[in-house]
Amino acid sequence: MEITCISILILVCIFLYSCWDTLYRRRNLPPGPTPLPLIGTLLHIRRGELVNSLMKLWDQYGSVYTLYFGPRPVVVLCGYDAVKEALIDHDEEFGARCPLPVLERFAKGYGITLSNGERWKLTRSFTVKTLKSFGFGKKSIEWKIQTEAQCIVDEFRKSNGQPFDPHKKIMEAIANVLCSIIFGDRFEYKDERFAKLLEFVDDSFQLTSSTWGQEKSKPYTIFNLRNLLVTTQNLIIAGTETVSTTLRYGLLILLKYPDVQAKLHEEIDQVIGGYRVPTFDDRMQMHYTQAVIHEIQRFCDIGPLNAPHMVTRDVQFRGYQIPKGTEIYPLLCTVHRDPKQFSSPWKFNPNHFLDESGNFKKNDALMAFSAGKRICPGKNMACMELFIFLTTILQNFKLTSPTEITDADIAPRMKGFLNAPITYKLSCLPRQI
């Protein structure tokens, strides 16, 4: 009797697997590891090594492959060519945002990050126009960034050359730029309300009514209090966490490579000097500095997974059929590590963005702000912040560390959705020009 039950159980399992396998193979989805019932292909993802696991599958299955998170298929795009083809060449089909359950409890489909369709179009358009009216992306906003850059220099100077962790000071400075735009004023770094705001930003990222809105003919208008709150939250979190993390990563890399820092000092001294406040226009004469900043963004790869996308309709893509509503993971880490685009993808090398004459050269394979319809609306401001903050800090200080920084220390480390640098201490030694 016992043997009969075991035999029946085995036959049932074989039948279920056969049905599952047949259904799986009938779909004309891109190739990938064969999924198991219930768990899909989760066994191919090593715990704590999501990015490395996905990169290995890129080597095995090519630039477009399919994973199953349980019974749900997810199409993964790897390398510059495939990601560009999807996000830029077919931006309408690949431009929707996939819901993120943890964030959806708060957002409920509102905001600029997780919304879709007409709501997203109107919210993004209204957000960009409103921020522009505040000076966003214009020359008038530069002085706010310059002011905050001088404030962080004053804070660094208070250390008197002693080692300190720059994390909190950098986040406060970057957040204050946004606060001065969105709320109309900056905060003192010791302000308790400001501290609570930054704590909220950190916590939110770890979890990964306007009068214009009273249009009685549109009862479902996007201009409501929730959409305002969610959109503001999106802007503060994205604009603070990503830029501050990139800047912290950049300073860590300069501690590792003092020769790179020395070349930056030389260029700053030649173009800006020791007393004039750096401007964003200075970058046009500072080819090496531009190359270093772009290489910091590429190498650090702050958002390696990108935010999940979703196809808006049935799509034929590279000979495969991707059904409407399928989740899409355009892996920015594979774009930034694409050997066809970068000669030494796993090393920090500013020459990736310099031509043979030493002039800065743009590379479209840098997608630190994503690409296509969902490209970060704050890209221009973030670039201005990175340039002005970095040059202002280096104009005033030589950066050193009490400990030796190794290759392992600067290697990207995933923390939630972001790659984050290790905790480190730096010393800011005053420079004499």
Protein backbone atom coordinates (compact mmCIF):
# COMPACT_ATOMS: atom_id res chain seq x y z
CA MET A 1 0.00 0.00 0.00
CA GLU A 2 2.81 2.37 0.94
CA ILE A 3 4.68 1.60 -2.29
CA THR A 4 1.51 2.29 -4.31
CA CYS A 5 1.04 5.72 -2.69
CA ILE A 6 4.65 6.63 -3.36
CA SER A 7 4.33 5.54 -6.99
CA ILE A 8 1.17 7.60 -7.44
CA LEU A 9 2.86 10.63 -5.87
CA ILE A 10 5.83 10.28 -8.21
CA LEU A 11 3.54 9.97 -11.23
CA VAL A 12 1.57 13.06 -10.17
CA CYS A 13 4.78 15.04 -9.75
CA ILE A 14 6.01 13.93 -13.18
CA PHE A 15 2.66 14.85 -14.73
CA LEU A 16 2.61 18.29 -13.10
CA TYR A 17 6.17 18.99 -14.16
CA SER A 18 5.44 17.80 -17.71
CA CYS A 19 2.41 20.10 -17.95
CA TRP A 20 4.38 23.00 -16.53
CA ASP A 21 7.33 22.37 -18.84
CA THR A 22 5.08 22.10 -21.91
CA LEU A 23 3.28 25.33 -21.04
CA TYR A 24 6.60 27.06 -20.43
CA ARG A 25 8.08 25.94 -23.75
CA ARG A 26 5.01 26.89 -25.76
CA ARG A 27 5.63 30.52 -24.98
CA ASN A 28 7.91 32.22 -27.46
CA LEU A 29 9.73 34.05 -24.69
CA PRO A 30 13.51 34.57 -24.70
CA PRO A 31 15.60 31.63 -23.45
CA GLY A 32 16.56 31.15 -19.84
CA PRO A 33 16.94 28.54 -17.11
CA THR A 34 14.07 26.03 -16.98
CA PRO A 35 11.65 27.07 -14.21
CA LEU A 36 10.36 24.75 -11.53
CA PRO A 37 6.70 24.73 -10.43
CA LEU A 38 5.87 27.31 -7.76
CA ILE A 39 9.42 28.67 -7.32
CA GLY A 40 10.27 29.34 -10.96
CA THR A 41 13.99 30.03 -11.42
CA LEU A 42 14.70 31.47 -7.98
CA LEU A 43 17.31 28.77 -7.32
CA HIS A 44 19.49 30.48 -9.93
CA ILE A 45 19.62 33.67 -7.84
CA ARG A 46 22.16 33.42 -5.03
CA ARG A 47 21.10 35.10 -1.84
CA GLY A 48 22.78 38.47 -1.42
CA GLU A 49 24.30 38.26 -4.92
CA LEU A 50 21.44 39.32 -7.17
CA VAL A 51 23.54 41.43 -9.54
CA ASN A 52 26.30 38.83 -9.85
CA SER A 53 23.72 36.11 -10.50
CA LEU A 54 22.07 38.13 -13.25
CA MET A 55 25.43 38.95 -14.81
CA LYS A 56 26.34 35.24 -14.95
CA LEU A 57 23.05 34.46 -16.65
CA TRP A 58 23.91 37.19 -19.18
CA ASP A 59 27.08 35.27 -20.03
CA GLN A 60 25.10 32.03 -20.32
CA TYR A 61 21.94 33.07 -22.17
CA GLY A 62 22.88 36.26 -23.98
CA SER A 63 21.53 39.80 -24.00
CA VAL A 64 17.83 38.88 -23.65
CA TYR A 65 16.70 36.10 -21.33
CA THR A 66 13.72 35.09 -19.20
CA LEU A 67 13.53 34.38 -15.48
CA TYR A 68 10.51 33.22 -13.51
CA PHE A 69 9.75 34.70 -10.11
CA GLY A 70 7.33 31.97 -9.11
CA PRO A 71 4.97 31.52 -12.06
CA ARG A 72 5.57 35.10 -13.27
CA PRO A 73 7.95 35.59 -16.22
CA VAL A 74 10.42 38.46 -16.15
CA VAL A 75 12.39 39.41 -19.26
CA VAL A 76 15.93 40.64 -18.54
CA LEU A 77 17.76 42.94 -20.97
CA CYS A 78 21.56 43.06 -20.90
CA GLY A 79 24.22 45.16 -22.60
CA TYR A 80 24.00 48.55 -24.26
CA ASP A 81 22.48 47.44 -27.56
CA ALA A 82 19.53 45.54 -26.07
CA VAL A 83 18.75 48.15 -23.40
CA LYS A 84 18.95 51.01 -25.92
CA GLU A 85 16.75 49.14 -28.39
CA ALA A 86 14.07 48.67 -25.74
CA LEU A 87 14.15 51.92 -23.76
CA ILE A 88 14.96 54.35 -26.58
CA ASP A 89 14.04 52.78 -29.93
CA HIS A 90 10.83 51.21 -28.54
CA ASP A 91 10.16 53.57 -25.66
CA GLU A 92 6.37 53.47 -26.06
CA GLU A 93 6.18 49.69 -25.71
CA PHE A 94 8.75 49.44 -22.89
CA GLY A 95 7.91 52.72 -21.13
CA ALA A 96 5.48 51.55 -18.43
CA ARG A 97 6.53 51.14 -14.81
CA CYS A 98 6.07 47.80 -13.09
CA PRO A 99 4.32 48.04 -9.68
CA LEU A 100 6.54 47.66 -6.61
CA PRO A 101 4.30 46.29 -3.83
CA VAL A 102 6.33 47.71 -0.93
CA LEU A 103 6.18 51.27 -2.32
CA GLU A 104 2.69 50.90 -3.77
CA ARG A 105 1.14 50.83 -0.29
CA PHE A 106 2.11 54.45 0.08
CA ALA A 107 2.04 55.67 -3.53
CA LYS A 108 -1.20 53.94 -4.61
CA GLY A 109 -0.37 54.60 -8.26
CA TYR A 110 0.41 58.30 -7.73
CA GLY A 111 3.64 60.27 -8.04
CA ILE A 112 6.13 60.45 -10.87
CA THR A 113 7.99 57.20 -10.19
CA LEU A 114 5.34 54.46 -10.10
CA SER A 115 2.40 55.93 -12.02
CA ASN A 116 1.52 54.95 -15.59
CA GLY A 117 -0.55 56.06 -18.57
CA GLU A 118 -2.22 59.45 -18.68
CA ARG A 119 -1.69 60.03 -14.95
CA TRP A 120 2.08 59.64 -15.39
CA LYS A 121 2.20 61.88 -18.47
CA LEU A 122 0.29 64.69 -16.77
CA THR A 123 2.19 64.36 -13.49
CA ARG A 124 5.58 64.38 -15.19
CA SER A 125 4.65 67.32 -17.43
CA PHE A 126 3.28 69.33 -14.51
CA THR A 127 6.30 68.48 -12.32
CA VAL A 128 8.88 69.47 -14.93
CA LYS A 129 7.07 72.75 -15.77
CA THR A 130 6.66 73.65 -12.09
CA LEU A 131 10.30 72.93 -11.25
CA LYS A 132 11.41 75.00 -14.24
CA SER A 133 9.37 77.89 -12.89
CA PHE A 134 11.37 77.50 -9.66
CA GLY A 135 14.60 77.71 -11.66
CA PHE A 136 15.15 73.96 -12.02
CA GLY A 137 17.68 73.21 -14.78
CA LYS A 138 18.33 76.90 -15.38
CA LYS A 139 21.27 79.16 -14.65
CA SER A 140 19.31 80.80 -11.84
CA ILE A 141 19.54 77.63 -9.75
CA GLU A 142 23.31 77.47 -9.94
CA TRP A 143 23.84 79.93 -7.10
CA LYS A 144 21.85 77.69 -4.75
CA ILE A 145 24.17 74.80 -5.53
CA GLN A 146 27.22 77.06 -5.18
CA THR A 147 25.96 78.33 -1.83
CA GLU A 148 25.48 74.83 -0.49
CA ALA A 149 28.86 73.73 -1.83
CA GLN A 150 30.48 76.55 0.16
CA CYS A 151 28.50 75.45 3.23
CA ILE A 152 29.82 71.91 2.99
CA VAL A 153 33.37 73.25 2.60
CA ASP A 154 32.85 75.20 5.84
CA GLU A 155 31.60 72.02 7.53
CA PHE A 156 34.59 70.02 6.26
CA ARG A 157 36.94 72.75 7.46
CA LYS A 158 35.60 72.38 11.01
CA SER A 159 37.25 68.94 11.17
CA ASN A 160 40.67 70.67 11.29
CA GLY A 161 42.20 67.94 9.16
CA GLN A 162 41.04 65.15 11.47
CA PRO A 163 39.42 62.04 9.95
CA PHE A 164 35.61 62.01 9.78
CA ASP A 165 32.79 60.17 8.03
CA PRO A 166 31.44 62.49 5.28
CA HIS A 167 28.14 60.59 4.79
CA LYS A 168 25.81 62.78 6.86
CA LYS A 169 27.32 66.10 5.78
CA ILE A 170 27.08 65.23 2.08
CA MET A 171 23.47 64.08 2.38
CA GLU A 172 22.54 67.26 4.27
CA ALA A 173 24.11 69.44 1.59
CA ILE A 174 22.47 67.68 -1.38
CA ALA A 175 19.09 67.57 0.37
CA ASN A 176 19.32 71.27 1.12
CA VAL A 177 19.63 72.11 -2.57
CA LEU A 178 16.33 70.36 -3.23
CA CYS A 179 14.70 71.89 -0.18
CA SER A 180 15.67 75.37 -1.31
CA ILE A 181 13.93 74.68 -4.63
CA ILE A 182 10.84 72.79 -3.47
CA PHE A 183 10.21 74.56 -0.15
CA GLY A 184 11.77 77.91 -1.02
CA ASP A 185 14.47 77.87 1.68
CA ARG A 186 17.37 75.81 2.98
CA PHE A 187 17.70 74.32 6.46
CA GLU A 188 20.45 74.68 8.98
CA TYR A 189 22.19 71.33 9.28
CA LYS A 190 21.29 71.10 12.98
CA ASP A 191 17.57 71.79 12.40
CA GLU A 192 15.51 68.98 13.98
CA ARG A 193 12.89 69.09 11.19
CA PHE A 194 15.66 68.70 8.64
CA ALA A 195 17.11 65.73 10.53
CA LYS A 196 13.70 64.03 10.56
CA LEU A 197 13.32 64.64 6.82
CA LEU A 198 16.69 63.02 6.09
CA GLU A 199 15.83 60.12 8.39
CA PHE A 200 12.64 59.65 6.37
CA VAL A 201 14.65 59.69 3.13
CA ASP A 202 17.00 57.01 4.43
CA ASP A 203 14.18 54.85 5.78
CA SER A 204 12.11 55.19 2.62
CA PHE A 205 14.96 54.14 0.41
CA GLN A 206 15.70 51.17 2.54
CA LEU A 207 12.20 49.92 1.96
CA THR A 208 12.61 50.72 -1.42
CA SER A 209 -4.10 70.53 -2.46
CA SER A 210 -2.98 72.68 -5.26
CA THR A 211 -5.53 75.34 -6.36
CA TRP A 212 -4.75 74.30 -9.93
CA GLY A 213 -6.36 70.98 -9.11
CA GLN A 214 -9.94 72.27 -8.63
CA GLU A 215 -11.28 71.42 -12.11
CA LYS A 216 -14.86 70.34 -11.36
CA SER A 217 -15.27 68.86 -14.83
CA LYS A 218 -12.53 66.35 -14.02
CA PRO A 219 -13.45 64.47 -10.82
CA TYR A 220 -10.46 62.13 -11.30
CA THR A 221 -7.89 64.90 -11.79
CA ILE A 222 -4.29 64.14 -10.89
CA PHE A 223 -4.05 67.44 -9.00
CA ASN A 224 -4.85 66.22 -5.52
CA LEU A 225 -3.08 66.17 -2.18
CA ARG A 226 -1.90 62.55 -2.39
CA ASN A 227 -0.33 63.05 -5.81
CA LEU A 228 1.38 66.22 -4.58
CA LEU A 229 2.79 64.44 -1.52
CA VAL A 230 3.92 61.33 -3.40
CA THR A 231 5.53 63.36 -6.19
CA THR A 232 7.38 65.55 -3.70
CA GLN A 233 8.53 62.44 -1.84
CA ASN A 234 9.75 60.91 -5.12
CA LEU A 235 11.77 64.02 -5.95
CA ILE A 236 13.39 64.34 -2.52
CA ILE A 237 14.34 60.68 -2.21
CA ALA A 238 15.63 60.27 -5.77
CA GLY A 239 17.37 63.63 -5.83
CA THR A 240 19.03 63.24 -2.43
CA GLU A 241 20.01 59.59 -2.18
CA THR A 242 21.44 59.08 -5.66
CA VAL A 243 23.51 62.27 -5.90
CA SER A 244 24.84 62.08 -2.34
CA THR A 245 25.76 58.40 -2.81
CA THR A 246 27.55 59.17 -6.08
CA LEU A 247 29.50 62.00 -4.46
CA ARG A 248 30.49 59.83 -1.49
CA TYR A 249 31.60 57.13 -3.90
CA GLY A 250 33.59 59.68 -5.88
CA LEU A 251 35.49 60.92 -2.83
CA LEU A 252 36.28 57.30 -1.86
CA ILE A 253 37.70 56.64 -5.34
CA LEU A 254 39.87 59.76 -5.11
CA LEU A 255 41.28 58.43 -1.84
CA LYS A 256 42.16 55.22 -3.66
CA TYR A 257 43.72 57.03 -6.63
CA PRO A 258 45.74 60.06 -5.42
CA ASP A 259 47.19 60.46 -8.93
CA VAL A 260 43.68 61.10 -10.29
CA GLN A 261 43.07 63.58 -7.48
CA ALA A 262 46.34 65.35 -8.30
CA LYS A 263 45.33 65.75 -11.98
CA LEU A 264 41.98 67.17 -10.88
CA HIS A 265 43.75 69.67 -8.60
CA GLU A 266 45.97 70.72 -11.48
CA GLU A 267 43.03 71.30 -13.84
CA ILE A 268 41.05 73.18 -11.17
CA ASP A 269 44.03 75.44 -10.49
CA GLN A 270 44.50 76.17 -14.19
CA VAL A 271 40.87 76.90 -15.06
CA ILE A 272 39.26 78.17 -11.83
CA GLY A 273 42.11 79.12 -9.53
CA GLY A 274 41.98 79.17 -5.76
CA TYR A 275 39.44 81.88 -5.03
CA ARG A 276 36.76 82.14 -7.70
CA VAL A 277 33.61 80.08 -7.12
CA PRO A 278 33.36 77.21 -9.65
CA THR A 279 30.58 77.49 -12.23
CA PHE A 280 28.96 74.82 -14.36
CA ASP A 281 30.28 76.52 -17.50
CA ASP A 282 33.82 75.79 -16.30
CA ARG A 283 33.30 72.17 -17.26
CA MET A 284 33.70 73.07 -20.95
CA GLN A 285 37.40 73.75 -20.32
CA MET A 286 37.88 70.89 -17.84
CA HIS A 287 37.98 67.76 -19.95
CA TYR A 288 39.69 65.55 -17.38
CA THR A 289 37.30 66.56 -14.61
CA GLN A 290 34.31 65.76 -16.81
CA ALA A 291 35.82 62.38 -17.69
CA VAL A 292 36.42 61.54 -14.02
CA ILE A 293 32.85 62.45 -13.01
CA HIS A 294 31.38 60.36 -15.83
CA GLU A 295 33.65 57.45 -14.96
CA ILE A 296 32.62 57.70 -11.29
CA GLN A 297 29.00 57.37 -12.39
CA ARG A 298 29.79 54.42 -14.66
CA PHE A 299 32.05 52.53 -12.29
CA CYS A 300 29.95 53.04 -9.15
CA ASP A 301 26.81 52.02 -11.04
CA ILE A 302 24.51 53.45 -8.35
CA GLY A 303 21.29 51.92 -9.76
CA PRO A 304 22.51 48.60 -11.23
CA LEU A 305 19.07 47.05 -11.73
CA ASN A 306 17.28 50.18 -12.92
CA ALA A 307 13.63 50.38 -11.83
CA PRO A 308 11.50 47.55 -13.28
CA HIS A 309 9.65 48.37 -16.50
CA MET A 310 6.61 46.73 -18.06
CA VAL A 311 5.49 46.36 -21.68
CA THR A 312 2.30 48.22 -22.56
CA ARG A 313 1.19 45.76 -25.26
CA ASP A 314 2.22 42.50 -26.93
CA VAL A 315 5.69 43.11 -28.37
CA GLN A 316 7.87 41.35 -30.92
CA PHE A 317 11.42 41.92 -29.70
CA ARG A 318 14.48 40.33 -31.28
CA GLY A 319 12.42 37.44 -32.61
CA TYR A 320 10.62 36.75 -29.34
CA GLN A 321 7.02 37.40 -28.26
CA ILE A 322 6.68 39.38 -25.05
CA PRO A 323 3.06 39.53 -23.80
CA LYS A 324 1.45 42.74 -22.56
CA GLY A 325 2.09 43.35 -18.87
CA THR A 326 5.35 41.35 -18.73
CA GLU A 327 7.92 42.76 -16.32
CA ILE A 328 11.14 44.01 -17.92
CA TYR A 329 14.46 44.37 -16.12
CA PRO A 330 16.80 46.59 -18.20
CA LEU A 331 20.06 45.98 -16.31
CA LEU A 332 22.11 49.16 -16.24
CA CYS A 333 24.96 47.23 -14.63
CA THR A 334 25.39 45.27 -17.87
CA VAL A 335 25.38 48.50 -19.89
CA HIS A 336 28.09 50.01 -17.70
CA ARG A 337 30.11 46.78 -17.83
CA ASP A 338 29.63 46.18 -21.56
CA PRO A 339 33.07 45.30 -23.02
CA LYS A 340 31.91 46.51 -26.44
CA GLN A 341 31.52 50.01 -25.02
CA PHE A 342 34.29 50.23 -22.41
CA SER A 343 37.81 48.89 -22.85
CA SER A 344 38.31 47.98 -19.18
CA PRO A 345 34.74 47.68 -17.84
CA TRP A 346 35.69 46.34 -14.40
CA LYS A 347 38.33 48.99 -13.67
CA PHE A 348 38.09 52.67 -12.84
CA ASN A 349 39.49 54.36 -15.92
CA PRO A 350 38.75 58.02 -16.83
CA ASN A 351 40.16 57.31 -20.30
CA HIS A 352 36.80 55.73 -21.12
CA PHE A 353 35.59 59.32 -21.60
CA LEU A 354 38.66 60.89 -23.21
CA ASP A 355 39.70 60.85 -26.84
CA GLU A 356 43.27 60.48 -28.12
CA SER A 357 43.85 64.21 -27.70
CA GLY A 358 42.75 64.19 -24.07
CA ASN A 359 39.44 65.91 -24.80
CA PHE A 360 36.23 64.81 -23.13
CA LYS A 361 34.10 62.49 -25.26
CA LYS A 362 30.51 61.55 -24.58
CA ASN A 363 29.51 57.89 -24.45
CA ASP A 364 25.81 57.03 -24.81
CA ALA A 365 26.44 53.79 -22.92
CA LEU A 366 26.55 55.82 -19.70
CA MET A 367 22.97 55.44 -18.45
CA ALA A 368 23.33 56.50 -14.84
CA PHE A 369 19.95 58.28 -15.12
CA SER A 370 18.31 55.47 -17.14
CA ALA A 371 17.13 56.24 -20.69
CA GLY A 372 14.06 56.81 -22.83
CA LYS A 373 10.71 58.03 -21.52
CA ARG A 374 11.58 57.19 -17.92
CA ILE A 375 14.91 58.99 -17.83
CA CYS A 376 15.37 60.90 -14.58
CA PRO A 377 13.87 64.41 -14.96
CA GLY A 378 16.52 65.75 -12.59
CA LYS A 379 19.48 64.65 -14.72
CA ASN A 380 20.70 68.16 -15.61
CA MET A 381 20.52 69.37 -12.04
CA ALA A 382 22.29 66.26 -10.74
CA CYS A 383 25.14 66.79 -13.23
CA MET A 384 25.44 70.42 -12.12
CA GLU A 385 25.53 69.35 -8.46
CA LEU A 386 28.18 66.69 -8.99
CA PHE A 387 30.45 69.07 -10.90
CA ILE A 388 30.13 72.07 -8.58
CA PHE A 389 30.34 70.09 -5.33
CA LEU A 390 33.35 68.05 -6.44
CA THR A 391 35.32 70.98 -7.85
CA THR A 392 34.53 73.20 -4.85
CA ILE A 393 35.68 70.53 -2.39
CA LEU A 394 38.88 69.82 -4.34
CA GLN A 395 39.53 73.53 -4.84
CA ASN A 396 39.84 73.83 -1.07
CA PHE A 397 41.17 70.49 0.12
CA LYS A 398 43.54 67.65 -0.49
CA LEU A 399 41.75 64.44 0.53
CA THR A 400 43.56 61.71 2.44
CA SER A 401 42.53 58.69 4.50
CA PRO A 402 43.96 57.25 7.73
CA THR A 403 43.55 53.76 6.22
CA GLU A 404 44.64 52.29 2.92
CA ILE A 405 41.80 52.04 0.38
CA THR A 406 41.88 48.78 -1.59
CA ASP A 407 40.32 47.60 -4.85
CA ALA A 408 37.80 45.62 -2.80
CA ASP A 409 36.84 48.79 -0.90
CA ILE A 410 35.78 50.64 -4.05
CA ALA A 411 34.04 47.66 -5.68
CA PRO A 412 30.27 48.35 -5.98
CA ARG A 413 28.27 46.85 -3.11
CA MET A 414 24.54 46.41 -3.39
CA LYS A 415 22.34 47.79 -0.62
CA GLY A 416 18.65 47.60 -1.40
CA PHE A 417 18.20 48.99 -4.91
CA LEU A 418 21.44 50.95 -4.79
CA ASN A 419 25.13 50.26 -4.86
CA ALA A 420 26.49 52.05 -1.83
CA PRO A 421 30.12 52.74 -0.82
CA ILE A 422 31.65 51.35 2.33
CA THR A 423 31.72 53.50 5.44
CA TYR A 424 35.02 55.35 5.44
CA LYS A 425 36.77 58.34 6.95
CA LEU A 426 38.62 61.07 5.13
CA SER A 427 40.81 63.96 6.18
CA CYS A 428 40.47 67.33 4.46
CA LEU A 429 43.82 69.09 4.38
CA PRO A 430 43.66 72.78 3.37
CA ARG A 431 45.31 73.56 0.05
CA GLN A 432 47.53 76.54 -0.64
CA ILE A 433 47.27 77.73 -4.24
